[in-house]
Amino acid sequence: MPPLFTIGYEQVSAPAVLDTLAQAGVGLLVHVRAVAASRRAGFSKSLLAAGVASRGIDYLHLRGLGTPAEGRQAARTGRYDEMRRIFAEHLATPTAQEQLDELAGLTAAGRAVCLLCYERHPEHCHRQIIADLICERVGVKVEHLAAPPV
């Protein structure tokens, strides 16, 4: 089984992320941000979906696995423990649980899945929490990808 990949797009270009995903053999990019809009060129939902499709990679937005607004604010100001607490509470919601189950099923099916969020460093991002939960459920390893910064 392939590992569960993660990647952040902070300080990188869309082409660099697409190249990194393709080189890793990713088959499905799962956008785990609550809001799939972005001020960074190429990272809003429709542009990102088109970009990965041009590389033969499928796209899925799991909005229910995004961090609530107050958690995003905590992360932006470096309050990572608070972000983790807020996100843990969010993960207990039915929507988040359903989408975790969906993600676990996709990963268990042997797809090369990559979680995408903004934060460059996974240890400061909720995608690390998601990856740890999925890896524990499915029995795969996590591999954090990093595109070269601009």
C-alpha atoms as a PDB file:
ATOM      1  CA  MET A   1       0.000   0.000   0.000  1.00  0.00           C
ATOM      2  CA  PRO A   2       1.262   3.484  -0.778  1.00  0.00           C
ATOM      3  CA  PRO A   3       1.797   5.893   2.101  1.00  0.00           C
ATOM      4  CA  LEU A   4      -0.713   8.623   2.869  1.00  0.00           C
ATOM      5  CA  PHE A   5       0.917  11.767   1.532  1.00  0.00           C
ATOM      6  CA  THR A   6       0.400  15.328   2.750  1.00  0.00           C
ATOM      7  CA  ILE A   7       1.483  18.650   1.271  1.00  0.00           C
ATOM      8  CA  GLY A   8       1.131  22.329   2.130  1.00  0.00           C
ATOM      9  CA  TYR A   9       1.197  25.104  -0.433  1.00  0.00           C
ATOM     10  CA  GLU A  10       2.519  27.983   1.680  1.00  0.00           C
ATOM     11  CA  GLN A  11       5.459  29.694  -0.070  1.00  0.00           C
ATOM     12  CA  VAL A  12       5.253  27.502  -3.191  1.00  0.00           C
ATOM     13  CA  SER A  13       3.842  27.859  -6.693  1.00  0.00           C
ATOM     14  CA  ALA A  14       1.011  25.789  -8.105  1.00  0.00           C
ATOM     15  CA  PRO A  15       3.269  24.256 -10.805  1.00  0.00           C
ATOM     16  CA  ALA A  16       5.771  23.190  -8.109  1.00  0.00           C
ATOM     17  CA  VAL A  17       3.020  21.480  -6.118  1.00  0.00           C
ATOM     18  CA  LEU A  18       1.674  19.760  -9.249  1.00  0.00           C
ATOM     19  CA  ASP A  19       5.182  18.552 -10.133  1.00  0.00           C
ATOM     20  CA  THR A  20       5.737  17.236  -6.600  1.00  0.00           C
ATOM     21  CA  LEU A  21       2.402  15.375  -6.594  1.00  0.00           C
ATOM     22  CA  ALA A  22       3.079  13.825 -10.005  1.00  0.00           C
ATOM     23  CA  GLN A  23       6.621  12.782  -9.060  1.00  0.00           C
ATOM     24  CA  ALA A  24       5.312  11.092  -5.890  1.00  0.00           C
ATOM     25  CA  GLY A  25       2.724   9.140  -7.900  1.00  0.00           C
ATOM     26  CA  VAL A  26      -0.297  10.701  -6.194  1.00  0.00           C
ATOM     27  CA  GLY A  27      -3.584   9.554  -7.709  1.00  0.00           C
ATOM     28  CA  LEU A  28      -6.025  11.559  -5.574  1.00  0.00           C
ATOM     29  CA  LEU A  29      -5.559  14.990  -4.036  1.00  0.00           C
ATOM     30  CA  VAL A  30      -7.856  15.579  -1.060  1.00  0.00           C
ATOM     31  CA  HIS A  31      -8.299  19.247  -0.193  1.00  0.00           C
ATOM     32  CA  VAL A  32      -8.892  19.412   3.579  1.00  0.00           C
ATOM     33  CA  ARG A  33      -9.524  23.126   3.994  1.00  0.00           C
ATOM     34  CA  ALA A  34     -12.925  24.351   5.175  1.00  0.00           C
ATOM     35  CA  VAL A  35     -12.780  27.131   2.583  1.00  0.00           C
ATOM     36  CA  ALA A  36     -11.351  26.028  -0.756  1.00  0.00           C
ATOM     37  CA  ALA A  37     -10.810  29.581  -1.971  1.00  0.00           C
ATOM     38  CA  SER A  38      -7.283  30.944  -1.949  1.00  0.00           C
ATOM     39  CA  ARG A  39      -5.573  34.220  -2.749  1.00  0.00           C
ATOM     40  CA  ARG A  40      -2.601  32.223  -4.035  1.00  0.00           C
ATOM     41  CA  ALA A  41      -2.666  31.685  -7.792  1.00  0.00           C
ATOM     42  CA  GLY A  42      -3.773  28.199  -8.806  1.00  0.00           C
ATOM     43  CA  PHE A  43      -4.958  27.013  -5.397  1.00  0.00           C
ATOM     44  CA  SER A  44      -8.678  27.843  -5.437  1.00  0.00           C
ATOM     45  CA  LYS A  45     -10.917  24.819  -5.825  1.00  0.00           C
ATOM     46  CA  SER A  46     -11.717  24.954  -9.550  1.00  0.00           C
ATOM     47  CA  LEU A  47      -8.219  25.974 -10.661  1.00  0.00           C
ATOM     48  CA  LEU A  48      -6.603  23.383  -8.410  1.00  0.00           C
ATOM     49  CA  ALA A  49      -8.963  20.648  -9.626  1.00  0.00           C
ATOM     50  CA  ALA A  50      -8.159  21.534 -13.244  1.00  0.00           C
ATOM     51  CA  GLY A  51      -4.434  21.651 -12.512  1.00  0.00           C
ATOM     52  CA  VAL A  52      -4.290  18.210 -10.929  1.00  0.00           C
ATOM     53  CA  ALA A  53      -6.571  16.787 -13.639  1.00  0.00           C
ATOM     54  CA  SER A  54      -4.025  17.946 -16.225  1.00  0.00           C
ATOM     55  CA  ARG A  55      -1.549  15.655 -14.450  1.00  0.00           C
ATOM     56  CA  GLY A  56      -3.945  12.688 -14.311  1.00  0.00           C
ATOM     57  CA  ILE A  57      -4.696  13.214 -10.621  1.00  0.00           C
ATOM     58  CA  ASP A  58      -8.241  13.177  -9.225  1.00  0.00           C
ATOM     59  CA  TYR A  59      -9.468  15.904  -6.862  1.00  0.00           C
ATOM     60  CA  LEU A  60     -11.786  15.739  -3.853  1.00  0.00           C
ATOM     61  CA  HIS A  61     -12.702  18.539  -1.446  1.00  0.00           C
ATOM     62  CA  LEU A  62     -13.616  17.270   2.025  1.00  0.00           C
ATOM     63  CA  ARG A  63     -14.815  20.521   3.579  1.00  0.00           C
ATOM     64  CA  GLY A  64     -15.900  18.718   6.751  1.00  0.00           C
ATOM     65  CA  LEU A  65     -12.251  17.968   7.543  1.00  0.00           C
ATOM     66  CA  GLY A  66     -11.295  21.639   7.485  1.00  0.00           C
ATOM     67  CA  THR A  67     -10.436  23.631  10.585  1.00  0.00           C
ATOM     68  CA  PRO A  68     -13.231  25.881  11.900  1.00  0.00           C
ATOM     69  CA  ALA A  69     -12.649  29.649  11.661  1.00  0.00           C
ATOM     70  CA  GLU A  70     -11.563  30.014  15.294  1.00  0.00           C
ATOM     71  CA  GLY A  71      -9.013  27.213  14.811  1.00  0.00           C
ATOM     72  CA  ARG A  72      -7.628  28.876  11.698  1.00  0.00           C
ATOM     73  CA  GLN A  73      -7.263  32.127  13.634  1.00  0.00           C
ATOM     74  CA  ALA A  74      -5.422  30.329  16.432  1.00  0.00           C
ATOM     75  CA  ALA A  75      -3.029  28.742  13.919  1.00  0.00           C
ATOM     76  CA  ARG A  76      -2.384  32.064  12.146  1.00  0.00           C
ATOM     77  CA  THR A  77      -1.288  33.583  15.451  1.00  0.00           C
ATOM     78  CA  GLY A  78       0.919  30.630  16.431  1.00  0.00           C
ATOM     79  CA  ARG A  79      -1.451  29.185  19.047  1.00  0.00           C
ATOM     80  CA  TYR A  80      -1.096  25.615  17.740  1.00  0.00           C
ATOM     81  CA  ASP A  81      -2.247  23.858  20.916  1.00  0.00           C
ATOM     82  CA  GLU A  82      -5.467  25.869  20.808  1.00  0.00           C
ATOM     83  CA  MET A  83      -5.898  25.023  17.105  1.00  0.00           C
ATOM     84  CA  ARG A  84      -5.458  21.317  17.912  1.00  0.00           C
ATOM     85  CA  ARG A  85      -8.044  21.506  20.719  1.00  0.00           C
ATOM     86  CA  ILE A  86     -10.579  23.274  18.490  1.00  0.00           C
ATOM     87  CA  PHE A  87      -9.962  20.818  15.651  1.00  0.00           C
ATOM     88  CA  ALA A  88     -10.310  17.819  17.993  1.00  0.00           C
ATOM     89  CA  GLU A  89     -13.737  19.112  19.045  1.00  0.00           C
ATOM     90  CA  HIS A  90     -14.659  19.582  15.385  1.00  0.00           C
ATOM     91  CA  LEU A  91     -13.600  16.013  14.541  1.00  0.00           C
ATOM     92  CA  ALA A  92     -16.310  14.722  16.880  1.00  0.00           C
ATOM     93  CA  THR A  93     -19.047  16.129  14.608  1.00  0.00           C
ATOM     94  CA  PRO A  94     -21.040  13.710  12.435  1.00  0.00           C
ATOM     95  CA  THR A  95     -19.893  15.384   9.193  1.00  0.00           C
ATOM     96  CA  ALA A  96     -16.222  15.145  10.140  1.00  0.00           C
ATOM     97  CA  GLN A  97     -16.640  11.511  11.186  1.00  0.00           C
ATOM     98  CA  GLU A  98     -18.364  10.641   7.876  1.00  0.00           C
ATOM     99  CA  GLN A  99     -15.614  12.297   5.886  1.00  0.00           C
ATOM    100  CA  LEU A 100     -12.886  10.615   7.957  1.00  0.00           C
ATOM    101  CA  ASP A 101     -14.564   7.298   7.137  1.00  0.00           C
ATOM    102  CA  GLU A 102     -14.649   8.233   3.436  1.00  0.00           C
ATOM    103  CA  LEU A 103     -10.972   9.170   3.492  1.00  0.00           C
ATOM    104  CA  ALA A 104     -10.050   5.976   5.341  1.00  0.00           C
ATOM    105  CA  GLY A 105     -11.915   3.929   2.725  1.00  0.00           C
ATOM    106  CA  LEU A 106     -10.127   5.649  -0.156  1.00  0.00           C
ATOM    107  CA  THR A 107      -6.767   5.110   1.513  1.00  0.00           C
ATOM    108  CA  ALA A 108      -7.528   1.487   2.425  1.00  0.00           C
ATOM    109  CA  ALA A 109      -8.462   0.804  -1.207  1.00  0.00           C
ATOM    110  CA  GLY A 110      -4.823   1.376  -2.109  1.00  0.00           C
ATOM    111  CA  ARG A 111      -5.153   4.770  -3.751  1.00  0.00           C
ATOM    112  CA  ALA A 112      -2.148   7.052  -3.517  1.00  0.00           C
ATOM    113  CA  VAL A 113      -3.925   9.814  -1.589  1.00  0.00           C
ATOM    114  CA  CYS A 114      -2.435  13.197  -0.658  1.00  0.00           C
ATOM    115  CA  LEU A 115      -3.959  15.633   1.833  1.00  0.00           C
ATOM    116  CA  LEU A 116      -3.557  19.291   0.864  1.00  0.00           C
ATOM    117  CA  CYS A 117      -3.717  22.333   3.101  1.00  0.00           C
ATOM    118  CA  TYR A 118      -2.039  25.727   3.209  1.00  0.00           C
ATOM    119  CA  GLU A 119       0.480  25.418   6.077  1.00  0.00           C
ATOM    120  CA  ARG A 120       3.952  24.412   4.875  1.00  0.00           C
ATOM    121  CA  HIS A 121       4.918  22.633   8.103  1.00  0.00           C
ATOM    122  CA  PRO A 122       2.681  19.641   8.897  1.00  0.00           C
ATOM    123  CA  GLU A 123       3.376  19.871  12.632  1.00  0.00           C
ATOM    124  CA  HIS A 124       1.558  23.233  12.625  1.00  0.00           C
ATOM    125  CA  CYS A 125      -1.359  21.997  10.527  1.00  0.00           C
ATOM    126  CA  HIS A 126      -4.519  20.012  11.130  1.00  0.00           C
ATOM    127  CA  ARG A 127      -3.615  17.741   8.192  1.00  0.00           C
ATOM    128  CA  GLN A 128      -1.063  16.066  10.499  1.00  0.00           C
ATOM    129  CA  ILE A 129      -3.902  15.163  12.876  1.00  0.00           C
ATOM    130  CA  ILE A 130      -5.994  13.784  10.017  1.00  0.00           C
ATOM    131  CA  ALA A 131      -3.037  11.843   8.625  1.00  0.00           C
ATOM    132  CA  ASP A 132      -2.266  10.307  12.028  1.00  0.00           C
ATOM    133  CA  LEU A 133      -5.890   9.190  12.454  1.00  0.00           C
ATOM    134  CA  ILE A 134      -6.081   7.672   8.965  1.00  0.00           C
ATOM    135  CA  CYS A 135      -2.711   5.947   9.269  1.00  0.00           C
ATOM    136  CA  GLU A 136      -3.773   4.420  12.577  1.00  0.00           C
ATOM    137  CA  ARG A 137      -7.069   3.181  11.104  1.00  0.00           C
ATOM    138  CA  VAL A 138      -5.669   1.864   7.842  1.00  0.00           C
ATOM    139  CA  GLY A 139      -2.175   0.807   8.831  1.00  0.00           C
ATOM    140  CA  VAL A 140      -0.218   2.907   6.345  1.00  0.00           C
ATOM    141  CA  LYS A 141       2.631   5.319   6.907  1.00  0.00           C
ATOM    142  CA  VAL A 142       2.475   9.046   6.325  1.00  0.00           C
ATOM    143  CA  GLU A 143       4.874  10.829   4.002  1.00  0.00           C
ATOM    144  CA  HIS A 144       4.990  14.612   4.030  1.00  0.00           C
ATOM    145  CA  LEU A 145       5.792  16.110   0.646  1.00  0.00           C
ATOM    146  CA  ALA A 146       7.286  19.571   0.228  1.00  0.00           C
ATOM    147  CA  ALA A 147       7.466  21.454  -3.038  1.00  0.00           C
ATOM    148  CA  PRO A 148      10.462  23.767  -3.449  1.00  0.00           C
ATOM    149  CA  PRO A 149       9.669  27.285  -2.140  1.00  0.00           C
ATOM    150  CA  VAL A 150       9.479  30.277  -4.447  1.00  0.00           C
END
